[in-house]
């Protein structure tokens, strides 16, 4: 019984690790495109959307480079995000 619970909980750990990996890739891409450092806790990936909690100034920079950021992220991760908000 305890083994089944461990297997079940490991699935959540794998999801968290994958999400952390995706966030790190996105942070790197954003830094390379607009030269701004964003923290992992500022990013939320949900379905095909990425939500970034930051200042309006940085959001404007992200909006300007949005298509290039999305394209590079999708190529590096084989994920299909369509928007950055």
N, C-alpha and C. Protein backbone atom coordinates (compact mmCIF):
# COMPACT_ATOMS: atom_id res chain seq x y z
N UNK A 1 0.82 -1.20 0.00
CA UNK A 1 0.00 0.00 0.00
C UNK A 1 0.87 1.27 0.00
N UNK A 2 1.90 1.29 0.84
CA UNK A 2 2.77 2.47 0.92
C UNK A 2 3.50 2.69 -0.40
N UNK A 3 3.82 1.60 -1.08
CA UNK A 3 4.51 1.70 -2.36
C UNK A 3 3.62 2.37 -3.40
N UNK A 4 2.32 2.07 -3.38
CA UNK A 4 1.38 2.69 -4.32
C UNK A 4 1.28 4.20 -4.09
N UNK A 5 1.28 4.60 -2.85
CA UNK A 5 1.22 6.02 -2.50
C UNK A 5 2.50 6.72 -2.97
N UNK A 6 3.63 6.05 -2.78
CA UNK A 6 4.91 6.63 -3.21
C UNK A 6 4.93 6.83 -4.73
N UNK A 7 4.46 5.85 -5.47
CA UNK A 7 4.41 5.96 -6.94
C UNK A 7 3.49 7.11 -7.34
N UNK A 8 2.35 7.20 -6.68
CA UNK A 8 1.39 8.27 -6.97
C UNK A 8 2.00 9.65 -6.72
N UNK A 9 2.67 9.81 -5.60
CA UNK A 9 3.27 11.10 -5.26
C UNK A 9 4.46 11.43 -6.16
N UNK A 10 5.18 10.43 -6.62
CA UNK A 10 6.30 10.67 -7.54
C UNK A 10 5.84 11.27 -8.86
N UNK A 11 4.60 10.96 -9.28
CA UNK A 11 4.06 11.56 -10.50
C UNK A 11 3.97 13.07 -10.36
N UNK A 12 3.57 13.55 -9.19
CA UNK A 12 3.49 14.99 -8.96
C UNK A 12 4.87 15.61 -8.92
N UNK A 13 5.83 14.91 -8.37
CA UNK A 13 7.20 15.41 -8.33
C UNK A 13 7.76 15.55 -9.74
N UNK A 14 7.48 14.57 -10.60
CA UNK A 14 7.93 14.64 -11.99
C UNK A 14 7.31 15.83 -12.71
N UNK A 15 6.03 16.08 -12.47
CA UNK A 15 5.35 17.23 -13.09
C UNK A 15 5.98 18.54 -12.63
N UNK A 16 6.29 18.63 -11.35
CA UNK A 16 6.91 19.84 -10.81
C UNK A 16 8.28 20.05 -11.42
N UNK A 17 9.06 18.99 -11.53
CA UNK A 17 10.40 19.10 -12.12
C UNK A 17 10.33 19.51 -13.59
N UNK A 18 9.37 18.98 -14.33
CA UNK A 18 9.22 19.34 -15.74
C UNK A 18 8.84 20.81 -15.86
N UNK A 19 7.92 21.27 -15.00
CA UNK A 19 7.49 22.66 -15.02
C UNK A 19 8.66 23.59 -14.68
N UNK A 20 9.49 23.21 -13.72
CA UNK A 20 10.67 23.99 -13.36
C UNK A 20 11.63 24.06 -14.53
N UNK A 21 11.82 22.96 -15.22
CA UNK A 21 12.69 22.91 -16.39
C UNK A 21 12.18 23.86 -17.49
N UNK A 22 10.88 23.84 -17.75
CA UNK A 22 10.29 24.72 -18.76
C UNK A 22 10.45 26.19 -18.38
N UNK A 23 10.27 26.49 -17.10
CA UNK A 23 10.43 27.87 -16.64
C UNK A 23 11.87 28.35 -16.82
N UNK A 24 12.83 27.48 -16.53
CA UNK A 24 14.24 27.85 -16.69
C UNK A 24 14.58 28.13 -18.15
N UNK A 25 14.03 27.34 -19.04
CA UNK A 25 14.26 27.58 -20.47
C UNK A 25 13.66 28.93 -20.85
N UNK A 26 12.45 29.21 -20.40
CA UNK A 26 11.80 30.48 -20.72
C UNK A 26 12.56 31.66 -20.13
N UNK A 27 13.05 31.53 -18.93
CA UNK A 27 13.85 32.60 -18.30
C UNK A 27 15.08 32.90 -19.14
N UNK A 28 15.73 31.86 -19.61
CA UNK A 28 16.93 32.02 -20.44
C UNK A 28 16.59 32.72 -21.77
N UNK A 29 15.51 32.32 -22.40
CA UNK A 29 15.10 32.93 -23.66
C UNK A 29 14.78 34.40 -23.46
N UNK A 30 14.02 34.70 -22.41
CA UNK A 30 13.66 36.10 -22.14
C UNK A 30 14.91 36.93 -21.89
N UNK A 31 15.83 36.39 -21.13
CA UNK A 31 17.06 37.13 -20.86
C UNK A 31 17.83 37.41 -22.16
N UNK A 32 17.89 36.42 -23.03
CA UNK A 32 18.61 36.59 -24.30
C UNK A 32 17.91 37.56 -25.24
N UNK A 33 16.59 37.64 -25.20
CA UNK A 33 15.83 38.50 -26.12
C UNK A 33 15.73 39.94 -25.63
N UNK A 34 15.47 40.13 -24.32
CA UNK A 34 15.24 41.51 -23.85
C UNK A 34 16.18 41.91 -22.71
N UNK A 35 17.12 41.04 -22.37
CA UNK A 35 18.13 41.33 -21.35
C UNK A 35 17.52 41.70 -19.99
N UNK A 36 16.50 40.93 -19.60
CA UNK A 36 15.83 41.13 -18.32
C UNK A 36 15.78 39.78 -17.60
N UNK A 37 16.12 39.80 -16.32
CA UNK A 37 16.06 38.58 -15.51
C UNK A 37 14.69 38.47 -14.86
N UNK A 38 14.09 37.32 -15.03
CA UNK A 38 12.79 37.02 -14.42
C UNK A 38 12.99 35.81 -13.52
N UNK A 39 12.31 35.78 -12.40
CA UNK A 39 12.41 34.68 -11.45
C UNK A 39 11.37 33.60 -11.75
N UNK A 40 11.66 32.38 -11.34
CA UNK A 40 10.73 31.27 -11.57
C UNK A 40 9.36 31.53 -10.96
N UNK A 41 9.34 32.16 -9.78
CA UNK A 41 8.05 32.38 -9.10
C UNK A 41 7.20 33.45 -9.79
N UNK A 42 7.74 34.11 -10.81
CA UNK A 42 6.98 35.10 -11.57
C UNK A 42 6.30 34.48 -12.79
N UNK A 43 6.57 33.22 -13.06
CA UNK A 43 6.07 32.57 -14.27
C UNK A 43 5.10 31.46 -13.89
N UNK A 44 3.99 31.42 -14.63
CA UNK A 44 3.03 30.32 -14.49
C UNK A 44 2.70 29.83 -15.90
N UNK A 45 2.87 28.53 -16.11
CA UNK A 45 2.57 27.93 -17.40
C UNK A 45 1.30 27.11 -17.23
N UNK A 46 0.30 27.48 -18.01
CA UNK A 46 -0.99 26.80 -17.91
C UNK A 46 -1.52 26.51 -19.31
N UNK A 47 -1.53 25.26 -19.67
CA UNK A 47 -1.99 24.87 -21.00
C UNK A 47 -1.11 25.48 -22.08
N UNK A 48 -1.72 26.28 -22.95
CA UNK A 48 -0.98 26.91 -24.05
C UNK A 48 -0.63 28.35 -23.75
N UNK A 49 -0.79 28.76 -22.49
CA UNK A 49 -0.51 30.14 -22.11
C UNK A 49 0.56 30.22 -21.04
N UNK A 50 1.32 31.31 -21.11
CA UNK A 50 2.32 31.61 -20.09
C UNK A 50 1.93 32.94 -19.46
N UNK A 51 1.86 32.97 -18.15
CA UNK A 51 1.53 34.18 -17.42
C UNK A 51 2.77 34.63 -16.66
N UNK A 52 3.15 35.88 -16.87
CA UNK A 52 4.34 36.42 -16.21
C UNK A 52 3.92 37.61 -15.36
N UNK A 53 4.22 37.53 -14.08
CA UNK A 53 3.91 38.61 -13.14
C UNK A 53 5.13 39.50 -13.02
N UNK A 54 5.04 40.68 -13.63
CA UNK A 54 6.16 41.60 -13.63
C UNK A 54 5.64 43.02 -13.83
N UNK A 55 6.55 43.95 -13.97
CA UNK A 55 6.19 45.36 -14.11
C UNK A 55 5.62 45.63 -15.51
N UNK A 56 4.84 46.69 -15.65
CA UNK A 56 4.32 47.04 -16.98
C UNK A 56 5.42 47.30 -18.01
N UNK A 57 6.51 47.87 -17.59
CA UNK A 57 7.62 48.14 -18.51
C UNK A 57 8.16 46.84 -19.12
N UNK A 58 8.38 45.84 -18.28
CA UNK A 58 8.88 44.56 -18.77
C UNK A 58 7.81 43.86 -19.60
N UNK A 59 6.55 43.96 -19.20
CA UNK A 59 5.47 43.35 -19.99
C UNK A 59 5.42 43.94 -21.39
N UNK A 60 5.67 45.25 -21.51
CA UNK A 60 5.70 45.87 -22.83
C UNK A 60 6.84 45.32 -23.67
N UNK A 61 8.00 45.16 -23.06
CA UNK A 61 9.15 44.58 -23.78
C UNK A 61 8.84 43.15 -24.22
N UNK A 62 8.19 42.39 -23.34
CA UNK A 62 7.81 41.02 -23.69
C UNK A 62 6.81 41.02 -24.84
N UNK A 63 5.88 41.94 -24.81
CA UNK A 63 4.87 42.02 -25.86
C UNK A 63 5.52 42.29 -27.22
N UNK A 64 6.51 43.17 -27.23
CA UNK A 64 7.20 43.52 -28.48
C UNK A 64 7.92 42.30 -29.06
N UNK A 65 8.54 41.49 -28.22
CA UNK A 65 9.31 40.32 -28.67
C UNK A 65 8.55 39.01 -28.51
N UNK A 66 7.25 39.10 -28.24
CA UNK A 66 6.44 37.93 -27.91
C UNK A 66 6.55 36.81 -28.95
N UNK A 67 6.41 37.12 -30.22
CA UNK A 67 6.41 36.08 -31.25
C UNK A 67 7.75 35.34 -31.30
N UNK A 68 8.85 36.06 -31.19
CA UNK A 68 10.17 35.43 -31.22
C UNK A 68 10.38 34.56 -29.98
N UNK A 69 9.93 35.04 -28.83
CA UNK A 69 10.06 34.27 -27.58
C UNK A 69 9.25 32.98 -27.68
N UNK A 70 8.00 33.09 -28.13
CA UNK A 70 7.14 31.91 -28.26
C UNK A 70 7.73 30.92 -29.25
N UNK A 71 8.19 31.40 -30.38
CA UNK A 71 8.74 30.51 -31.41
C UNK A 71 9.96 29.74 -30.87
N UNK A 72 10.87 30.45 -30.22
CA UNK A 72 12.06 29.78 -29.70
C UNK A 72 11.71 28.81 -28.58
N UNK A 73 10.79 29.19 -27.70
CA UNK A 73 10.37 28.31 -26.61
C UNK A 73 9.75 27.03 -27.16
N UNK A 74 8.88 27.16 -28.14
CA UNK A 74 8.23 25.98 -28.73
C UNK A 74 9.25 25.08 -29.42
N UNK A 75 10.24 25.67 -30.07
CA UNK A 75 11.26 24.86 -30.74
C UNK A 75 12.12 24.11 -29.73
N UNK A 76 12.49 24.75 -28.63
CA UNK A 76 13.37 24.13 -27.64
C UNK A 76 12.66 23.09 -26.78
N UNK A 77 11.35 23.22 -26.61
CA UNK A 77 10.64 22.35 -25.67
C UNK A 77 9.64 21.41 -26.32
N UNK A 78 9.37 21.58 -27.60
CA UNK A 78 8.32 20.81 -28.29
C UNK A 78 6.96 21.02 -27.63
N UNK A 79 6.81 22.14 -26.98
CA UNK A 79 5.52 22.52 -26.39
C UNK A 79 4.90 23.52 -27.34
N UNK A 80 3.60 23.69 -27.26
CA UNK A 80 2.93 24.57 -28.20
C UNK A 80 2.21 25.70 -27.47
N UNK A 81 2.98 26.63 -26.88
CA UNK A 81 2.32 27.77 -26.25
C UNK A 81 1.94 28.77 -27.33
N UNK A 82 0.85 29.48 -27.08
CA UNK A 82 0.36 30.42 -28.08
C UNK A 82 0.32 31.84 -27.57
N UNK A 83 0.45 32.04 -26.26
CA UNK A 83 0.38 33.40 -25.75
C UNK A 83 1.23 33.59 -24.51
N UNK A 84 1.68 34.82 -24.36
CA UNK A 84 2.39 35.25 -23.16
C UNK A 84 1.62 36.45 -22.63
N UNK A 85 1.18 36.36 -21.39
CA UNK A 85 0.42 37.45 -20.77
C UNK A 85 1.11 37.92 -19.52
